[in-house]
All heavy atoms as atom14 arrays in JSON, in Angstrom:
{
  "sequence": "LFCGMALQAYCGLIEEHARDILRELDRIGVQVSSLLDTKYPT",
  "atom14_mask": [
    [1, 1, 1, 1, 1, 1, 1, 1, 0, 0, 0, 0, 0, 0],
    [1, 1, 1, 1, 1, 1, 1, 1, 1, 1, 1, 0, 0, 0],
    [1, 1, 1, 1, 1, 1, 0, 0, 0, 0, 0, 0, 0, 0],
    [1, 1, 1, 1, 0, 0, 0, 0, 0, 0, 0, 0, 0, 0],
    [1, 1, 1, 1, 1, 1, 1, 1, 0, 0, 0, 0, 0, 0],
    [1, 1, 1, 1, 1, 0, 0, 0, 0, 0, 0, 0, 0, 0],
    [1, 1, 1, 1, 1, 1, 1, 1, 0, 0, 0, 0, 0, 0],
    [1, 1, 1, 1, 1, 1, 1, 1, 1, 0, 0, 0, 0, 0],
    [1, 1, 1, 1, 1, 0, 0, 0, 0, 0, 0, 0, 0, 0],
    [1, 1, 1, 1, 1, 1, 1, 1, 1, 1, 1, 1, 0, 0],
    [1, 1, 1, 1, 1, 1, 0, 0, 0, 0, 0, 0, 0, 0],
    [1, 1, 1, 1, 0, 0, 0, 0, 0, 0, 0, 0, 0, 0],
    [1, 1, 1, 1, 1, 1, 1, 1, 0, 0, 0, 0, 0, 0],
    [1, 1, 1, 1, 1, 1, 1, 1, 0, 0, 0, 0, 0, 0],
    [1, 1, 1, 1, 1, 1, 1, 1, 1, 0, 0, 0, 0, 0],
    [1, 1, 1, 1, 1, 1, 1, 1, 1, 0, 0, 0, 0, 0],
    [1, 1, 1, 1, 1, 1, 1, 1, 1, 1, 0, 0, 0, 0],
    [1, 1, 1, 1, 1, 0, 0, 0, 0, 0, 0, 0, 0, 0],
    [1, 1, 1, 1, 1, 1, 1, 1, 1, 1, 1, 0, 0, 0],
    [1, 1, 1, 1, 1, 1, 1, 1, 0, 0, 0, 0, 0, 0],
    [1, 1, 1, 1, 1, 1, 1, 1, 0, 0, 0, 0, 0, 0],
    [1, 1, 1, 1, 1, 1, 1, 1, 0, 0, 0, 0, 0, 0],
    [1, 1, 1, 1, 1, 1, 1, 1, 1, 1, 1, 0, 0, 0],
    [1, 1, 1, 1, 1, 1, 1, 1, 1, 0, 0, 0, 0, 0],
    [1, 1, 1, 1, 1, 1, 1, 1, 0, 0, 0, 0, 0, 0],
    [1, 1, 1, 1, 1, 1, 1, 1, 0, 0, 0, 0, 0, 0],
    [1, 1, 1, 1, 1, 1, 1, 1, 1, 1, 1, 0, 0, 0],
    [1, 1, 1, 1, 1, 1, 1, 1, 0, 0, 0, 0, 0, 0],
    [1, 1, 1, 1, 0, 0, 0, 0, 0, 0, 0, 0, 0, 0],
    [1, 1, 1, 1, 1, 1, 1, 0, 0, 0, 0, 0, 0, 0],
    [1, 1, 1, 1, 1, 1, 1, 1, 1, 0, 0, 0, 0, 0],
    [1, 1, 1, 1, 1, 1, 1, 0, 0, 0, 0, 0, 0, 0],
    [1, 1, 1, 1, 1, 1, 0, 0, 0, 0, 0, 0, 0, 0],
    [1, 1, 1, 1, 1, 1, 0, 0, 0, 0, 0, 0, 0, 0],
    [1, 1, 1, 1, 1, 1, 1, 1, 0, 0, 0, 0, 0, 0],
    [1, 1, 1, 1, 1, 1, 1, 1, 0, 0, 0, 0, 0, 0],
    [1, 1, 1, 1, 1, 1, 1, 1, 0, 0, 0, 0, 0, 0],
    [1, 1, 1, 1, 1, 1, 1, 0, 0, 0, 0, 0, 0, 0],
    [1, 1, 1, 1, 1, 1, 1, 1, 1, 0, 0, 0, 0, 0],
    [1, 1, 1, 1, 1, 1, 1, 1, 1, 1, 1, 1, 0, 0],
    [1, 1, 1, 1, 1, 1, 1, 0, 0, 0, 0, 0, 0, 0],
    [1, 1, 1, 1, 1, 1, 1, 0, 0, 0, 0, 0, 0, 0]
  ],
  "atom14_positions": [
    [[27.07, -13.55, 38.59], [27.17, -12.1, 38.71], [26.3, -11.41, 37.67], [25.56, -10.46, 37.97], [28.62, -11.66, 38.57], [28.9, -10.16, 38.78], [28.45, -9.73, 40.18], [30.37, -9.85, 38.57], [0.0, 0.0, 0.0], [0.0, 0.0, 0.0], [0.0, 0.0, 0.0], [0.0, 0.0, 0.0], [0.0, 0.0, 0.0], [0.0, 0.0, 0.0]],
    [[26.36, -11.89, 36.44], [25.51, -11.33, 35.39], [24.03, -11.57, 35.7], [23.19, -10.69, 35.47], [25.86, -11.95, 34.03], [24.9, -11.57, 32.94], [24.87, -10.27, 32.45], [24.01, -12.5, 32.43], [23.97, -9.91, 31.46], [23.11, -12.15, 31.44], [23.09, -10.85, 30.95], [0.0, 0.0, 0.0], [0.0, 0.0, 0.0], [0.0, 0.0, 0.0]],
    [[23.71, -12.74, 36.24], [22.31, -13.03, 36.61], [21.82, -12.03, 37.66], [20.67, -11.59, 37.63], [22.2, -14.46, 37.14], [22.35, -15.73, 35.87], [0.0, 0.0, 0.0], [0.0, 0.0, 0.0], [0.0, 0.0, 0.0], [0.0, 0.0, 0.0], [0.0, 0.0, 0.0], [0.0, 0.0, 0.0], [0.0, 0.0, 0.0], [0.0, 0.0, 0.0]],
    [[22.7, -11.67, 38.59], [22.33, -10.68, 39.6], [22.07, -9.32, 38.96], [21.15, -8.6, 39.38], [0.0, 0.0, 0.0], [0.0, 0.0, 0.0], [0.0, 0.0, 0.0], [0.0, 0.0, 0.0], [0.0, 0.0, 0.0], [0.0, 0.0, 0.0], [0.0, 0.0, 0.0], [0.0, 0.0, 0.0], [0.0, 0.0, 0.0], [0.0, 0.0, 0.0]],
    [[22.85, -8.96, 37.96], [22.62, -7.7, 37.26], [21.27, -7.7, 36.56], [20.55, -6.7, 36.56], [23.74, -7.47, 36.24], [25.11, -7.26, 36.85], [26.39, -7.11, 35.56], [27.86, -6.97, 36.57], [0.0, 0.0, 0.0], [0.0, 0.0, 0.0], [0.0, 0.0, 0.0], [0.0, 0.0, 0.0], [0.0, 0.0, 0.0], [0.0, 0.0, 0.0]],
    [[20.93, -8.83, 35.95], [19.64, -8.93, 35.27], [18.5, -8.79, 36.28], [17.5, -8.09, 36.01], [19.54, -10.26, 34.54], [0.0, 0.0, 0.0], [0.0, 0.0, 0.0], [0.0, 0.0, 0.0], [0.0, 0.0, 0.0], [0.0, 0.0, 0.0], [0.0, 0.0, 0.0], [0.0, 0.0, 0.0], [0.0, 0.0, 0.0], [0.0, 0.0, 0.0]],
    [[18.63, -9.42, 37.44], [17.59, -9.31, 38.46], [17.42, -7.86, 38.91], [16.3, -7.38, 39.1], [17.92, -10.2, 39.66], [16.9, -10.16, 40.8], [15.55, -10.69, 40.32], [17.39, -10.97, 42.0], [0.0, 0.0, 0.0], [0.0, 0.0, 0.0], [0.0, 0.0, 0.0], [0.0, 0.0, 0.0], [0.0, 0.0, 0.0], [0.0, 0.0, 0.0]],
    [[18.53, -7.15, 39.06], [18.45, -5.75, 39.45], [17.72, -4.93, 38.39], [16.97, -4.0, 38.71], [19.85, -5.2, 39.7], [20.52, -5.79, 40.93], [21.95, -5.31, 41.1], [22.2, -4.13, 41.15], [22.89, -6.24, 41.16], [0.0, 0.0, 0.0], [0.0, 0.0, 0.0], [0.0, 0.0, 0.0], [0.0, 0.0, 0.0], [0.0, 0.0, 0.0]],
    [[17.92, -5.28, 37.12], [17.23, -4.56, 36.05], [15.72, -4.79, 36.12], [14.93, -3.85, 35.98], [17.77, -5.02, 34.69], [0.0, 0.0, 0.0], [0.0, 0.0, 0.0], [0.0, 0.0, 0.0], [0.0, 0.0, 0.0], [0.0, 0.0, 0.0], [0.0, 0.0, 0.0], [0.0, 0.0, 0.0], [0.0, 0.0, 0.0], [0.0, 0.0, 0.0]],
    [[15.31, -6.02, 36.39], [13.87, -6.31, 36.52], [13.27, -5.56, 37.7], [12.17, -5.01, 37.6], [13.66, -7.82, 36.7], [13.79, -8.62, 35.43], [14.77, -9.6, 35.3], [12.92, -8.42, 34.36], [14.9, -10.35, 34.13], [13.05, -9.16, 33.19], [14.04, -10.12, 33.09], [14.15, -10.86, 31.93], [0.0, 0.0, 0.0], [0.0, 0.0, 0.0]],
    [[13.98, -5.54, 38.81], [13.46, -4.84, 39.99], [13.36, -3.34, 39.74], [12.41, -2.68, 40.19], [14.35, -5.11, 41.2], [14.26, -6.81, 41.82], [0.0, 0.0, 0.0], [0.0, 0.0, 0.0], [0.0, 0.0, 0.0], [0.0, 0.0, 0.0], [0.0, 0.0, 0.0], [0.0, 0.0, 0.0], [0.0, 0.0, 0.0], [0.0, 0.0, 0.0]],
    [[14.32, -2.79, 39.01], [14.25, -1.39, 38.64], [13.02, -1.09, 37.79], [12.37, -0.05, 37.96], [0.0, 0.0, 0.0], [0.0, 0.0, 0.0], [0.0, 0.0, 0.0], [0.0, 0.0, 0.0], [0.0, 0.0, 0.0], [0.0, 0.0, 0.0], [0.0, 0.0, 0.0], [0.0, 0.0, 0.0], [0.0, 0.0, 0.0], [0.0, 0.0, 0.0]],
    [[12.69, -2.0, 36.89], [11.49, -1.82, 36.06], [10.23, -1.84, 36.9], [9.28, -1.08, 36.65], [11.43, -2.93, 35.0], [12.47, -2.86, 33.87], [12.28, -4.03, 32.92], [12.37, -1.55, 33.11], [0.0, 0.0, 0.0], [0.0, 0.0, 0.0], [0.0, 0.0, 0.0], [0.0, 0.0, 0.0], [0.0, 0.0, 0.0], [0.0, 0.0, 0.0]],
    [[10.2, -2.69, 37.92], [9.03, -2.75, 38.8], [8.84, -1.43, 39.53], [7.71, -0.92, 39.65], [9.19, -3.91, 39.81], [9.02, -5.26, 39.11], [8.18, -3.78, 40.95], [7.63, -5.51, 38.54], [0.0, 0.0, 0.0], [0.0, 0.0, 0.0], [0.0, 0.0, 0.0], [0.0, 0.0, 0.0], [0.0, 0.0, 0.0], [0.0, 0.0, 0.0]],
    [[9.91, -0.85, 40.02], [9.8, 0.41, 40.75], [9.37, 1.55, 39.83], [8.55, 2.39, 40.22], [11.12, 0.71, 41.45], [11.42, -0.27, 42.57], [12.75, -0.02, 43.26], [13.52, 0.83, 42.76], [13.01, -0.68, 44.29], [0.0, 0.0, 0.0], [0.0, 0.0, 0.0], [0.0, 0.0, 0.0], [0.0, 0.0, 0.0], [0.0, 0.0, 0.0]],
    [[9.88, 1.58, 38.61], [9.45, 2.61, 37.66], [7.99, 2.37, 37.25], [7.23, 3.32, 37.04], [10.35, 2.61, 36.43], [9.94, 3.59, 35.34], [9.82, 5.04, 35.82], [10.47, 5.41, 36.82], [9.06, 5.8, 35.2], [0.0, 0.0, 0.0], [0.0, 0.0, 0.0], [0.0, 0.0, 0.0], [0.0, 0.0, 0.0], [0.0, 0.0, 0.0]],
    [[7.6, 1.11, 37.16], [6.2, 0.79, 36.84], [5.27, 1.32, 37.93], [4.21, 1.86, 37.64], [6.05, -0.72, 36.69], [4.68, -1.15, 36.28], [4.01, -0.61, 35.2], [3.84, -2.09, 36.81], [2.83, -1.19, 35.06], [2.7, -2.08, 36.04], [0.0, 0.0, 0.0], [0.0, 0.0, 0.0], [0.0, 0.0, 0.0], [0.0, 0.0, 0.0]],
    [[5.69, 1.16, 39.18], [4.88, 1.67, 40.29], [4.73, 3.19, 40.17], [3.65, 3.74, 40.4], [5.52, 1.3, 41.63], [0.0, 0.0, 0.0], [0.0, 0.0, 0.0], [0.0, 0.0, 0.0], [0.0, 0.0, 0.0], [0.0, 0.0, 0.0], [0.0, 0.0, 0.0], [0.0, 0.0, 0.0], [0.0, 0.0, 0.0], [0.0, 0.0, 0.0]],
    [[5.82, 3.87, 39.81], [5.73, 5.32, 39.62], [4.8, 5.67, 38.46], [4.01, 6.62, 38.53], [7.13, 5.9, 39.39], [8.02, 5.88, 40.63], [9.32, 6.62, 40.42], [10.26, 5.87, 39.59], [11.15, 5.01, 40.08], [11.22, 4.76, 41.38], [11.98, 4.39, 39.27], [0.0, 0.0, 0.0], [0.0, 0.0, 0.0], [0.0, 0.0, 0.0]],
    [[4.88, 4.89, 37.4], [4.01, 5.11, 36.24], [2.55, 4.92, 36.62], [1.66, 5.69, 36.21], [4.41, 4.14, 35.13], [3.88, 4.56, 33.76], [3.62, 5.76, 33.56], [3.75, 3.68, 32.89], [0.0, 0.0, 0.0], [0.0, 0.0, 0.0], [0.0, 0.0, 0.0], [0.0, 0.0, 0.0], [0.0, 0.0, 0.0], [0.0, 0.0, 0.0]],
    [[2.29, 3.9, 37.42], [0.92, 3.64, 37.9], [0.42, 4.84, 38.71], [-0.73, 5.31, 38.53], [0.89, 2.36, 38.76], [1.16, 1.12, 37.9], [-0.44, 2.23, 39.51], [0.11, 0.81, 36.86], [0.0, 0.0, 0.0], [0.0, 0.0, 0.0], [0.0, 0.0, 0.0], [0.0, 0.0, 0.0], [0.0, 0.0, 0.0], [0.0, 0.0, 0.0]],
    [[1.24, 5.34, 39.6], [0.84, 6.48, 40.44], [0.57, 7.72, 39.59], [-0.37, 8.48, 39.87], [1.91, 6.76, 41.48], [2.08, 5.69, 42.57], [3.26, 6.03, 43.47], [0.82, 5.53, 43.39], [0.0, 0.0, 0.0], [0.0, 0.0, 0.0], [0.0, 0.0, 0.0], [0.0, 0.0, 0.0], [0.0, 0.0, 0.0], [0.0, 0.0, 0.0]],
    [[1.37, 7.92, 38.56], [1.13, 9.07, 37.68], [-0.22, 8.95, 36.99], [-0.97, 9.93, 36.86], [2.26, 9.17, 36.63], [3.63, 9.51, 37.21], [4.66, 9.7, 36.11], [6.0, 9.83, 36.68], [6.91, 8.86, 36.67], [6.64, 7.7, 36.1], [8.1, 9.06, 37.21], [0.0, 0.0, 0.0], [0.0, 0.0, 0.0], [0.0, 0.0, 0.0]],
    [[-0.54, 7.76, 36.52], [-1.81, 7.54, 35.83], [-2.99, 7.72, 36.78], [-4.01, 8.32, 36.43], [-1.84, 6.14, 35.21], [-0.9, 5.95, 34.03], [-1.35, 6.73, 32.8], [-2.55, 7.1, 32.72], [-0.51, 6.98, 31.92], [0.0, 0.0, 0.0], [0.0, 0.0, 0.0], [0.0, 0.0, 0.0], [0.0, 0.0, 0.0], [0.0, 0.0, 0.0]],
    [[-2.84, 7.19, 37.98], [-3.93, 7.3, 38.96], [-4.14, 8.76, 39.36], [-5.28, 9.23, 39.48], [-3.63, 6.45, 40.19], [-3.61, 4.93, 39.95], [-3.13, 4.21, 41.21], [-4.99, 4.42, 39.54], [0.0, 0.0, 0.0], [0.0, 0.0, 0.0], [0.0, 0.0, 0.0], [0.0, 0.0, 0.0], [0.0, 0.0, 0.0], [0.0, 0.0, 0.0]],
    [[-3.03, 9.47, 39.57], [-3.14, 10.89, 39.92], [-3.81, 11.67, 38.78], [-4.62, 12.58, 39.03], [-1.75, 11.45, 40.21], [-1.77, 12.93, 40.55], [-2.34, 13.28, 41.61], [-1.23, 13.73, 39.76], [0.0, 0.0, 0.0], [0.0, 0.0, 0.0], [0.0, 0.0, 0.0], [0.0, 0.0, 0.0], [0.0, 0.0, 0.0], [0.0, 0.0, 0.0]],
    [[-3.52, 11.31, 37.56], [-4.08, 12.01, 36.4], [-5.6, 11.91, 36.34], [-6.28, 12.84, 35.9], [-3.47, 11.44, 35.11], [-3.93, 12.11, 33.83], [-3.26, 11.5, 32.61], [-3.58, 10.09, 32.47], [-4.69, 9.64, 31.89], [-5.61, 10.48, 31.44], [-4.91, 8.33, 31.78], [0.0, 0.0, 0.0], [0.0, 0.0, 0.0], [0.0, 0.0, 0.0]],
    [[-6.14, 10.76, 36.8], [-7.6, 10.59, 36.74], [-8.27, 10.91, 38.08], [-9.44, 10.62, 38.28], [-7.98, 9.17, 36.3], [-7.49, 8.11, 37.3], [-7.45, 8.88, 34.89], [-7.96, 6.7, 37.0], [0.0, 0.0, 0.0], [0.0, 0.0, 0.0], [0.0, 0.0, 0.0], [0.0, 0.0, 0.0], [0.0, 0.0, 0.0], [0.0, 0.0, 0.0]],
    [[-7.5, 11.52, 38.99], [-8.1, 12.01, 40.22], [-8.11, 11.05, 41.38], [-8.73, 11.34, 42.42], [0.0, 0.0, 0.0], [0.0, 0.0, 0.0], [0.0, 0.0, 0.0], [0.0, 0.0, 0.0], [0.0, 0.0, 0.0], [0.0, 0.0, 0.0], [0.0, 0.0, 0.0], [0.0, 0.0, 0.0], [0.0, 0.0, 0.0], [0.0, 0.0, 0.0]],
    [[-7.43, 9.91, 41.27], [-7.35, 8.98, 42.38], [-6.34, 9.51, 43.39], [-5.24, 9.93, 43.03], [-6.92, 7.57, 41.91], [-6.74, 6.63, 43.09], [-7.94, 7.01, 40.93], [0.0, 0.0, 0.0], [0.0, 0.0, 0.0], [0.0, 0.0, 0.0], [0.0, 0.0, 0.0], [0.0, 0.0, 0.0], [0.0, 0.0, 0.0], [0.0, 0.0, 0.0]],
    [[-6.69, 9.5, 44.67], [-5.82, 10.03, 45.71], [-4.68, 9.05, 45.99], [-4.92, 7.92, 46.42], [-6.62, 10.29, 46.99], [-7.61, 11.43, 46.86], [-6.91, 12.76, 46.58], [-5.91, 13.09, 47.22], [-7.44, 13.52, 45.63], [0.0, 0.0, 0.0], [0.0, 0.0, 0.0], [0.0, 0.0, 0.0], [0.0, 0.0, 0.0], [0.0, 0.0, 0.0]],
    [[-3.46, 9.49, 45.73], [-2.29, 8.64, 45.96], [-1.36, 9.25, 47.01], [-0.26, 8.73, 47.25], [-1.51, 8.43, 44.64], [-2.37, 7.74, 43.6], [-0.99, 9.76, 44.09], [0.0, 0.0, 0.0], [0.0, 0.0, 0.0], [0.0, 0.0, 0.0], [0.0, 0.0, 0.0], [0.0, 0.0, 0.0], [0.0, 0.0, 0.0], [0.0, 0.0, 0.0]],
    [[-1.78, 10.33, 47.64], [-0.9, 11.07, 48.55], [-0.44, 10.25, 49.75], [0.63, 10.49, 50.31], [-1.59, 12.35, 49.04], [-2.82, 12.03, 49.68], [0.0, 0.0, 0.0], [0.0, 0.0, 0.0], [0.0, 0.0, 0.0], [0.0, 0.0, 0.0], [0.0, 0.0, 0.0], [0.0, 0.0, 0.0], [0.0, 0.0, 0.0], [0.0, 0.0, 0.0]],
    [[-1.23, 9.26, 50.16], [-0.87, 8.47, 51.34], [0.39, 7.64, 51.11], [1.02, 7.19, 52.07], [-2.02, 7.54, 51.73], [-2.29, 6.6, 50.69], [0.0, 0.0, 0.0], [0.0, 0.0, 0.0], [0.0, 0.0, 0.0], [0.0, 0.0, 0.0], [0.0, 0.0, 0.0], [0.0, 0.0, 0.0], [0.0, 0.0, 0.0], [0.0, 0.0, 0.0]],
    [[0.79, 7.44, 49.87], [1.99, 6.67, 49.56], [3.22, 7.54, 49.41], [4.34, 7.01, 49.34], [1.8, 5.89, 48.25], [1.08, 4.55, 48.32], [-0.41, 4.75, 48.4], [1.41, 3.7, 47.11], [0.0, 0.0, 0.0], [0.0, 0.0, 0.0], [0.0, 0.0, 0.0], [0.0, 0.0, 0.0], [0.0, 0.0, 0.0], [0.0, 0.0, 0.0]],
    [[3.05, 8.86, 49.35], [4.13, 9.73, 48.92], [4.75, 10.52, 50.07], [4.09, 10.81, 51.07], [3.6, 10.7, 47.86], [2.9, 10.04, 46.67], [2.38, 11.09, 45.71], [3.83, 9.06, 45.94], [0.0, 0.0, 0.0], [0.0, 0.0, 0.0], [0.0, 0.0, 0.0], [0.0, 0.0, 0.0], [0.0, 0.0, 0.0], [0.0, 0.0, 0.0]],
    [[6.01, 10.85, 49.89], [6.76, 11.63, 50.88], [6.42, 13.1, 50.71], [6.73, 13.72, 49.68], [8.26, 11.4, 50.67], [9.1, 11.96, 51.79], [8.64, 12.89, 52.48], [10.24, 11.47, 51.98], [0.0, 0.0, 0.0], [0.0, 0.0, 0.0], [0.0, 0.0, 0.0], [0.0, 0.0, 0.0], [0.0, 0.0, 0.0], [0.0, 0.0, 0.0]],
    [[5.8, 13.68, 51.71], [5.31, 15.05, 51.6], [6.4, 16.12, 51.73], [6.11, 17.31, 51.65], [4.24, 15.31, 52.68], [4.8, 15.04, 53.97], [3.02, 14.43, 52.45], [0.0, 0.0, 0.0], [0.0, 0.0, 0.0], [0.0, 0.0, 0.0], [0.0, 0.0, 0.0], [0.0, 0.0, 0.0], [0.0, 0.0, 0.0], [0.0, 0.0, 0.0]],
    [[7.64, 15.71, 51.92], [8.69, 16.73, 52.04], [9.01, 17.37, 50.68], [9.68, 18.41, 50.63], [9.95, 16.15, 52.65], [10.75, 15.22, 51.74], [12.0, 14.72, 52.46], [12.84, 13.8, 51.59], [14.02, 13.28, 52.29], [0.0, 0.0, 0.0], [0.0, 0.0, 0.0], [0.0, 0.0, 0.0], [0.0, 0.0, 0.0], [0.0, 0.0, 0.0]],
    [[8.52, 16.76, 49.61], [8.71, 17.35, 48.28], [7.5, 18.21, 47.94], [6.36, 17.85, 48.25], [8.92, 16.25, 47.24], [10.15, 15.41, 47.54], [10.02, 14.16, 48.14], [11.42, 15.88, 47.26], [11.14, 13.39, 48.45], [12.55, 15.11, 47.56], [12.39, 13.88, 48.15], [13.5, 13.12, 48.46], [0.0, 0.0, 0.0], [0.0, 0.0, 0.0]],
    [[7.7, 19.35, 47.27], [6.61, 20.33, 47.12], [5.49, 19.94, 46.17], [4.36, 20.38, 46.35], [7.35, 21.59, 46.61], [8.6, 21.07, 45.98], [8.99, 19.87, 46.79], [0.0, 0.0, 0.0], [0.0, 0.0, 0.0], [0.0, 0.0, 0.0], [0.0, 0.0, 0.0], [0.0, 0.0, 0.0], [0.0, 0.0, 0.0], [0.0, 0.0, 0.0]],
    [[5.77, 19.13, 45.16], [4.72, 18.8, 44.19], [4.5, 17.29, 44.14], [5.37, 16.5, 44.5], [5.1, 19.27, 42.77], [6.24, 18.5, 42.31], [5.47, 20.76, 42.78], [0.0, 0.0, 0.0], [0.0, 0.0, 0.0], [0.0, 0.0, 0.0], [0.0, 0.0, 0.0], [0.0, 0.0, 0.0], [0.0, 0.0, 0.0], [0.0, 0.0, 0.0]]
  ]
}
């Protein structure tokens, strides 16, 4: 059970890393809109 909790923590880090990557790419002008849900305004 604890091992499962640890795995969930690693997976959570991967998803936040993906968001961090998208923020960095957007900052330097790389188009990332094709990955994003357009129902949000910004």
